[in-house]
PDB file of all heavy atoms in Angstrom:
ATOM      1  N   LEU A   1       5.746   4.866 -20.502  1.00  0.00           N
ATOM      2  CA  LEU A   1       4.762   4.242 -19.622  1.00  0.00           C
ATOM      3  C   LEU A   1       5.402   3.261 -18.647  1.00  0.00           C
ATOM      4  O   LEU A   1       4.833   2.977 -17.589  1.00  0.00           O
ATOM      5  CB  LEU A   1       3.703   3.518 -20.455  1.00  0.00           C
ATOM      6  CG  LEU A   1       2.805   4.405 -21.314  1.00  0.00           C
ATOM      7  CD1 LEU A   1       1.882   3.556 -22.168  1.00  0.00           C
ATOM      8  CD2 LEU A   1       1.984   5.347 -20.454  1.00  0.00           C
ATOM      9  N   ALA A   2       6.585   2.739 -18.981  1.00  0.00           N
ATOM     10  CA  ALA A   2       7.252   1.775 -18.103  1.00  0.00           C
ATOM     11  C   ALA A   2       8.100   2.440 -17.029  1.00  0.00           C
ATOM     12  O   ALA A   2       8.656   1.763 -16.169  1.00  0.00           O
ATOM     13  CB  ALA A   2       8.121   0.838 -18.937  1.00  0.00           C
ATOM     14  N   MET A   3       8.204   3.749 -17.059  1.00  0.00           N
ATOM     15  CA  MET A   3       9.013   4.455 -16.057  1.00  0.00           C
ATOM     16  C   MET A   3       8.360   4.349 -14.678  1.00  0.00           C
ATOM     17  O   MET A   3       7.150   4.185 -14.564  1.00  0.00           O
ATOM     18  CB  MET A   3       9.168   5.924 -16.461  1.00  0.00           C
ATOM     19  CG  MET A   3      10.005   6.132 -17.725  1.00  0.00           C
ATOM     20  SD  MET A   3      10.025   7.859 -18.262  1.00  0.00           S
ATOM     21  CE  MET A   3      10.892   8.614 -16.865  1.00  0.00           C
ATOM     22  N   PRO A   4       9.180   4.430 -13.605  1.00  0.00           N
ATOM     23  CA  PRO A   4       8.625   4.345 -12.245  1.00  0.00           C
ATOM     24  C   PRO A   4       7.538   5.396 -12.013  1.00  0.00           C
ATOM     25  O   PRO A   4       7.631   6.525 -12.475  1.00  0.00           O
ATOM     26  CB  PRO A   4       9.851   4.607 -11.359  1.00  0.00           C
ATOM     27  CG  PRO A   4      11.016   4.211 -12.197  1.00  0.00           C
ATOM     28  CD  PRO A   4      10.639   4.566 -13.610  1.00  0.00           C
ATOM     29  N   ASP A   5       6.510   4.989 -11.295  1.00  0.00           N
ATOM     30  CA  ASP A   5       5.359   5.849 -11.021  1.00  0.00           C
ATOM     31  C   ASP A   5       5.320   6.109  -9.519  1.00  0.00           C
ATOM     32  O   ASP A   5       4.785   5.311  -8.749  1.00  0.00           O
ATOM     33  CB  ASP A   5       4.086   5.137 -11.494  1.00  0.00           C
ATOM     34  CG  ASP A   5       2.816   5.926 -11.195  1.00  0.00           C
ATOM     35  OD1 ASP A   5       2.923   7.013 -10.599  1.00  0.00           O
ATOM     36  OD2 ASP A   5       1.732   5.448 -11.545  1.00  0.00           O
ATOM     37  N   GLY A   6       5.913   7.218  -9.113  1.00  0.00           N
ATOM     38  CA  GLY A   6       6.043   7.524  -7.694  1.00  0.00           C
ATOM     39  C   GLY A   6       4.714   7.713  -6.994  1.00  0.00           C
ATOM     40  O   GLY A   6       4.537   7.295  -5.845  1.00  0.00           O
ATOM     41  N   ARG A   7       3.733   8.321  -7.678  1.00  0.00           N
ATOM     42  CA  ARG A   7       2.458   8.621  -7.017  1.00  0.00           C
ATOM     43  C   ARG A   7       1.730   7.344  -6.613  1.00  0.00           C
ATOM     44  O   ARG A   7       1.309   7.194  -5.468  1.00  0.00           O
ATOM     45  CB  ARG A   7       1.569   9.472  -7.935  1.00  0.00           C
ATOM     46  CG  ARG A   7       0.221   9.837  -7.297  1.00  0.00           C
ATOM     47  CD  ARG A   7      -0.547  10.813  -8.169  1.00  0.00           C
ATOM     48  NE  ARG A   7      -1.155  10.174  -9.315  1.00  0.00           N
ATOM     49  CZ  ARG A   7      -2.378   9.603  -9.292  1.00  0.00           C
ATOM     50  NH1 ARG A   7      -3.072   9.577  -8.163  1.00  0.00           N
ATOM     51  NH2 ARG A   7      -2.885   9.071 -10.379  1.00  0.00           N
ATOM     52  N   HIS A   8       1.584   6.423  -7.537  1.00  0.00           N
ATOM     53  CA  HIS A   8       0.879   5.195  -7.210  1.00  0.00           C
ATOM     54  C   HIS A   8       1.697   4.297  -6.295  1.00  0.00           C
ATOM     55  O   HIS A   8       1.140   3.577  -5.453  1.00  0.00           O
ATOM     56  CB  HIS A   8       0.491   4.456  -8.492  1.00  0.00           C
ATOM     57  CG  HIS A   8      -0.610   5.124  -9.250  1.00  0.00           C
ATOM     58  ND1 HIS A   8      -0.371   5.924 -10.348  1.00  0.00           N
ATOM     59  CD2 HIS A   8      -1.955   5.149  -9.050  1.00  0.00           C
ATOM     60  CE1 HIS A   8      -1.532   6.403 -10.805  1.00  0.00           C
ATOM     61  NE2 HIS A   8      -2.494   5.941 -10.034  1.00  0.00           N
ATOM     62  N   ARG A   9       3.004   4.331  -6.427  1.00  0.00           N
ATOM     63  CA  ARG A   9       3.841   3.537  -5.528  1.00  0.00           C
ATOM     64  C   ARG A   9       3.656   4.000  -4.091  1.00  0.00           C
ATOM     65  O   ARG A   9       3.496   3.183  -3.180  1.00  0.00           O
ATOM     66  CB  ARG A   9       5.309   3.644  -5.945  1.00  0.00           C
ATOM     67  CG  ARG A   9       6.250   2.813  -5.090  1.00  0.00           C
ATOM     68  CD  ARG A   9       7.684   2.947  -5.554  1.00  0.00           C
ATOM     69  NE  ARG A   9       7.852   2.456  -6.913  1.00  0.00           N
ATOM     70  CZ  ARG A   9       9.016   2.490  -7.571  1.00  0.00           C
ATOM     71  NH1 ARG A   9      10.088   3.019  -7.002  1.00  0.00           N
ATOM     72  NH2 ARG A   9       9.101   2.019  -8.786  1.00  0.00           N
ATOM     73  N   ARG A  10       3.675   5.307  -3.873  1.00  0.00           N
ATOM     74  CA  ARG A  10       3.501   5.840  -2.512  1.00  0.00           C
ATOM     75  C   ARG A  10       2.108   5.523  -1.968  1.00  0.00           C
ATOM     76  O   ARG A  10       1.949   5.158  -0.809  1.00  0.00           O
ATOM     77  CB  ARG A  10       3.737   7.355  -2.517  1.00  0.00           C
ATOM     78  CG  ARG A  10       5.191   7.756  -2.692  1.00  0.00           C
ATOM     79  CD  ARG A  10       5.384   9.236  -2.445  1.00  0.00           C
ATOM     80  NE  ARG A  10       4.658  10.050  -3.422  1.00  0.00           N
ATOM     81  CZ  ARG A  10       5.167  10.424  -4.596  1.00  0.00           C
ATOM     82  NH1 ARG A  10       6.397  10.059  -4.954  1.00  0.00           N
ATOM     83  NH2 ARG A  10       4.455  11.175  -5.431  1.00  0.00           N
ATOM     84  N   ALA A  11       1.088   5.649  -2.836  1.00  0.00           N
ATOM     85  CA  ALA A  11      -0.282   5.389  -2.385  1.00  0.00           C
ATOM     86  C   ALA A  11      -0.459   3.931  -1.974  1.00  0.00           C
ATOM     87  O   ALA A  11      -1.084   3.628  -0.944  1.00  0.00           O
ATOM     88  CB  ALA A  11      -1.273   5.761  -3.478  1.00  0.00           C
ATOM     89  N   LEU A  12       0.103   3.009  -2.748  1.00  0.00           N
ATOM     90  CA  LEU A  12      -0.037   1.593  -2.420  1.00  0.00           C
ATOM     91  C   LEU A  12       0.793   1.224  -1.199  1.00  0.00           C
ATOM     92  O   LEU A  12       0.387   0.359  -0.406  1.00  0.00           O
ATOM     93  CB  LEU A  12       0.353   0.742  -3.630  1.00  0.00           C
ATOM     94  CG  LEU A  12      -0.688   0.780  -4.752  1.00  0.00           C
ATOM     95  CD1 LEU A  12      -0.074   0.365  -6.076  1.00  0.00           C
ATOM     96  CD2 LEU A  12      -1.874  -0.123  -4.411  1.00  0.00           C
ATOM     97  N   ARG A  13       1.933   1.874  -1.028  1.00  0.00           N
ATOM     98  CA  ARG A  13       2.705   1.648   0.184  1.00  0.00           C
ATOM     99  C   ARG A  13       1.903   2.084   1.407  1.00  0.00           C
ATOM    100  O   ARG A  13       1.859   1.387   2.423  1.00  0.00           O
ATOM    101  CB  ARG A  13       4.032   2.397   0.134  1.00  0.00           C
ATOM    102  CG  ARG A  13       4.927   2.102   1.344  1.00  0.00           C
ATOM    103  CD  ARG A  13       6.193   2.955   1.341  1.00  0.00           C
ATOM    104  NE  ARG A  13       6.979   2.707   0.135  1.00  0.00           N
ATOM    105  CZ  ARG A  13       7.345   3.645  -0.725  1.00  0.00           C
ATOM    106  NH1 ARG A  13       6.959   4.911  -0.551  1.00  0.00           N
ATOM    107  NH2 ARG A  13       8.080   3.341  -1.767  1.00  0.00           N
ATOM    108  N   GLN A  14       1.227   3.230   1.298  1.00  0.00           N
ATOM    109  CA  GLN A  14       0.405   3.714   2.410  1.00  0.00           C
ATOM    110  C   GLN A  14      -0.775   2.774   2.653  1.00  0.00           C
ATOM    111  O   GLN A  14      -1.151   2.519   3.814  1.00  0.00           O
ATOM    112  CB  GLN A  14      -0.104   5.126   2.100  1.00  0.00           C
ATOM    113  CG  GLN A  14      -0.900   5.774   3.230  1.00  0.00           C
ATOM    114  CD  GLN A  14      -0.090   5.933   4.495  1.00  0.00           C
ATOM    115  OE1 GLN A  14       1.119   6.178   4.452  1.00  0.00           O
ATOM    116  NE2 GLN A  14      -0.739   5.799   5.643  1.00  0.00           N
ATOM    117  N   PHE A  15      -1.344   2.242   1.588  1.00  0.00           N
ATOM    118  CA  PHE A  15      -2.429   1.269   1.715  1.00  0.00           C
ATOM    119  C   PHE A  15      -1.949   0.047   2.497  1.00  0.00           C
ATOM    120  O   PHE A  15      -2.636  -0.441   3.400  1.00  0.00           O
ATOM    121  CB  PHE A  15      -2.920   0.865   0.324  1.00  0.00           C
ATOM    122  CG  PHE A  15      -3.929  -0.248   0.311  1.00  0.00           C
ATOM    123  CD1 PHE A  15      -5.234  -0.017   0.717  1.00  0.00           C
ATOM    124  CD2 PHE A  15      -3.586  -1.519  -0.124  1.00  0.00           C
ATOM    125  CE1 PHE A  15      -6.180  -1.044   0.696  1.00  0.00           C
ATOM    126  CE2 PHE A  15      -4.518  -2.542  -0.143  1.00  0.00           C
ATOM    127  CZ  PHE A  15      -5.817  -2.302   0.262  1.00  0.00           C
ATOM    128  N   GLY A  16      -0.752  -0.442   2.165  1.00  0.00           N
ATOM    129  CA  GLY A  16      -0.199  -1.584   2.888  1.00  0.00           C
ATOM    130  C   GLY A  16       0.034  -1.285   4.348  1.00  0.00           C
ATOM    131  O   GLY A  16      -0.215  -2.137   5.219  1.00  0.00           O
ATOM    132  N   ILE A  17       0.524  -0.092   4.626  1.00  0.00           N
ATOM    133  CA  ILE A  17       0.742   0.310   6.027  1.00  0.00           C
ATOM    134  C   ILE A  17      -0.583   0.322   6.777  1.00  0.00           C
ATOM    135  O   ILE A  17      -0.677  -0.146   7.919  1.00  0.00           O
ATOM    136  CB  ILE A  17       1.427   1.690   6.082  1.00  0.00           C
ATOM    137  CG1 ILE A  17       2.864   1.583   5.565  1.00  0.00           C
ATOM    138  CG2 ILE A  17       1.398   2.258   7.501  1.00  0.00           C
ATOM    139  CD1 ILE A  17       3.542   2.923   5.360  1.00  0.00           C
ATOM    140  N   GLN A  18      -1.629   0.852   6.124  1.00  0.00           N
ATOM    141  CA  GLN A  18      -2.943   0.893   6.764  1.00  0.00           C
ATOM    142  C   GLN A  18      -3.485  -0.524   7.013  1.00  0.00           C
ATOM    143  O   GLN A  18      -4.127  -0.779   8.047  1.00  0.00           O
ATOM    144  CB  GLN A  18      -3.928   1.675   5.893  1.00  0.00           C
ATOM    145  CG  GLN A  18      -3.662   3.169   5.828  1.00  0.00           C
ATOM    146  CD  GLN A  18      -3.904   3.836   7.172  1.00  0.00           C
ATOM    147  OE1 GLN A  18      -4.777   3.431   7.935  1.00  0.00           O
ATOM    148  NE2 GLN A  18      -3.114   4.851   7.472  1.00  0.00           N
ATOM    149  N   LEU A  19      -3.233  -1.436   6.076  1.00  0.00           N
ATOM    150  CA  LEU A  19      -3.649  -2.816   6.286  1.00  0.00           C
ATOM    151  C   LEU A  19      -3.028  -3.381   7.568  1.00  0.00           C
ATOM    152  O   LEU A  19      -3.709  -4.005   8.393  1.00  0.00           O
ATOM    153  CB  LEU A  19      -3.215  -3.687   5.101  1.00  0.00           C
ATOM    154  CG  LEU A  19      -4.082  -3.711   3.843  1.00  0.00           C
ATOM    155  CD1 LEU A  19      -3.409  -4.557   2.774  1.00  0.00           C
ATOM    156  CD2 LEU A  19      -5.465  -4.252   4.143  1.00  0.00           C
ATOM    157  N   GLU A  20      -1.727  -3.174   7.705  1.00  0.00           N
ATOM    158  CA  GLU A  20      -1.036  -3.700   8.885  1.00  0.00           C
ATOM    159  C   GLU A  20      -1.487  -2.977  10.157  1.00  0.00           C
ATOM    160  O   GLU A  20      -1.688  -3.602  11.204  1.00  0.00           O
ATOM    161  CB  GLU A  20       0.468  -3.570   8.695  1.00  0.00           C
ATOM    162  CG  GLU A  20       1.027  -4.428   7.573  1.00  0.00           C
ATOM    163  CD  GLU A  20       2.527  -4.273   7.427  1.00  0.00           C
ATOM    164  OE1 GLU A  20       3.135  -3.569   8.261  1.00  0.00           O
ATOM    165  OE2 GLU A  20       3.080  -4.849   6.474  1.00  0.00           O
ATOM    166  N   ARG A  21      -1.634  -1.682  10.069  1.00  0.00           N
ATOM    167  CA  ARG A  21      -2.001  -0.900  11.247  1.00  0.00           C
ATOM    168  C   ARG A  21      -3.377  -1.300  11.767  1.00  0.00           C
ATOM    169  O   ARG A  21      -3.605  -1.392  12.973  1.00  0.00           O
ATOM    170  CB  ARG A  21      -1.956   0.592  10.897  1.00  0.00           C
ATOM    171  CG  ARG A  21      -2.231   1.521  12.073  1.00  0.00           C
ATOM    172  CD  ARG A  21      -2.030   2.955  11.634  1.00  0.00           C
ATOM    173  NE  ARG A  21      -0.638   3.194  11.246  1.00  0.00           N
ATOM    174  CZ  ARG A  21      -0.224   4.251  10.541  1.00  0.00           C
ATOM    175  NH1 ARG A  21      -1.113   5.144  10.112  1.00  0.00           N
ATOM    176  NH2 ARG A  21       1.045   4.399  10.241  1.00  0.00           N
ATOM    177  N   GLN A  22      -4.306  -1.506  10.845  1.00  0.00           N
ATOM    178  CA  GLN A  22      -5.662  -1.877  11.245  1.00  0.00           C
ATOM    179  C   GLN A  22      -5.786  -3.366  11.561  1.00  0.00           C
ATOM    180  O   GLN A  22      -6.816  -3.818  12.056  1.00  0.00           O
ATOM    181  CB  GLN A  22      -6.663  -1.515  10.133  1.00  0.00           C
ATOM    182  CG  GLN A  22      -6.765  -0.034   9.835  1.00  0.00           C
ATOM    183  CD  GLN A  22      -7.532   0.720  10.896  1.00  0.00           C
ATOM    184  OE1 GLN A  22      -8.149   0.121  11.767  1.00  0.00           O
ATOM    185  NE2 GLN A  22      -7.465   2.040  10.850  1.00  0.00           N
ATOM    186  N   GLY A  23      -4.724  -4.123  11.248  1.00  0.00           N
ATOM    187  CA  GLY A  23      -4.796  -5.559  11.474  1.00  0.00           C
ATOM    188  C   GLY A  23      -5.717  -6.266  10.509  1.00  0.00           C
ATOM    189  O   GLY A  23      -6.118  -7.404  10.743  1.00  0.00           O
ATOM    190  N   VAL A  24      -6.033  -5.590   9.382  1.00  0.00           N
ATOM    191  CA  VAL A  24      -7.001  -6.170   8.439  1.00  0.00           C
ATOM    192  C   VAL A  24      -6.420  -7.371   7.727  1.00  0.00           C
ATOM    193  O   VAL A  24      -7.070  -8.403   7.567  1.00  0.00           O
ATOM    194  CB  VAL A  24      -7.454  -5.097   7.427  1.00  0.00           C
ATOM    195  CG1 VAL A  24      -8.275  -5.732   6.323  1.00  0.00           C
ATOM    196  CG2 VAL A  24      -8.255  -4.023   8.134  1.00  0.00           C
ATOM    197  N   SER A  25      -5.159  -7.279   7.301  1.00  0.00           N
ATOM    198  CA  SER A  25      -4.586  -8.378   6.530  1.00  0.00           C
ATOM    199  C   SER A  25      -4.484  -9.645   7.348  1.00  0.00           C
ATOM    200  O   SER A  25      -4.501 -10.750   6.813  1.00  0.00           O
ATOM    201  CB  SER A  25      -3.201  -7.985   6.008  1.00  0.00           C
ATOM    202  OG  SER A  25      -2.328  -7.688   7.090  1.00  0.00           O
ATOM    203  N   ALA A  26      -4.377  -9.501   8.684  1.00  0.00           N
ATOM    204  CA  ALA A  26      -4.292 -10.684   9.536  1.00  0.00           C
ATOM    205  C   ALA A  26      -5.660 -11.185   9.968  1.00  0.00           C
ATOM    206  O   ALA A  26      -5.780 -12.260  10.550  1.00  0.00           O
ATOM    207  CB  ALA A  26      -3.452 -10.364  10.771  1.00  0.00           C
ATOM    208  N   ALA A  27      -6.690 -10.403   9.689  1.00  0.00           N
ATOM    209  CA  ALA A  27      -8.025 -10.751  10.179  1.00  0.00           C
ATOM    210  C   ALA A  27      -8.726 -11.704   9.229  1.00  0.00           C
ATOM    211  O   ALA A  27      -9.813 -11.462   8.759  1.00  0.00           O
ATOM    212  CB  ALA A  27      -8.865  -9.488  10.363  1.00  0.00           C
ATOM    213  N   ARG A  28      -8.067 -12.792   8.903  1.00  0.00           N
ATOM    214  CA  ARG A  28      -8.648 -13.779   8.006  1.00  0.00           C
ATOM    215  C   ARG A  28      -9.566 -14.717   8.778  1.00  0.00           C
ATOM    216  O   ARG A  28      -9.280 -15.088   9.916  1.00  0.00           O
ATOM    217  CB  ARG A  28      -7.551 -14.580   7.328  1.00  0.00           C
ATOM    218  CG  ARG A  28      -6.665 -13.708   6.457  1.00  0.00           C
ATOM    219  CD  ARG A  28      -5.666 -14.527   5.682  1.00  0.00           C
ATOM    220  NE  ARG A  28      -4.939 -13.662   4.750  1.00  0.00           N
ATOM    221  CZ  ARG A  28      -4.087 -14.105   3.841  1.00  0.00           C
ATOM    222  NH1 ARG A  28      -3.848 -15.383   3.741  1.00  0.00           N
ATOM    223  NH2 ARG A  28      -3.474 -13.265   3.037  1.00  0.00           N
TER     224      ARG A  28
END
């Protein structure tokens, strides 16, 4: 269970990219 999880890592990386692209994280 402690081994690297590529699927969720990639999905969360894409989520972060979308945050930056949409400017959501800066829209505080």
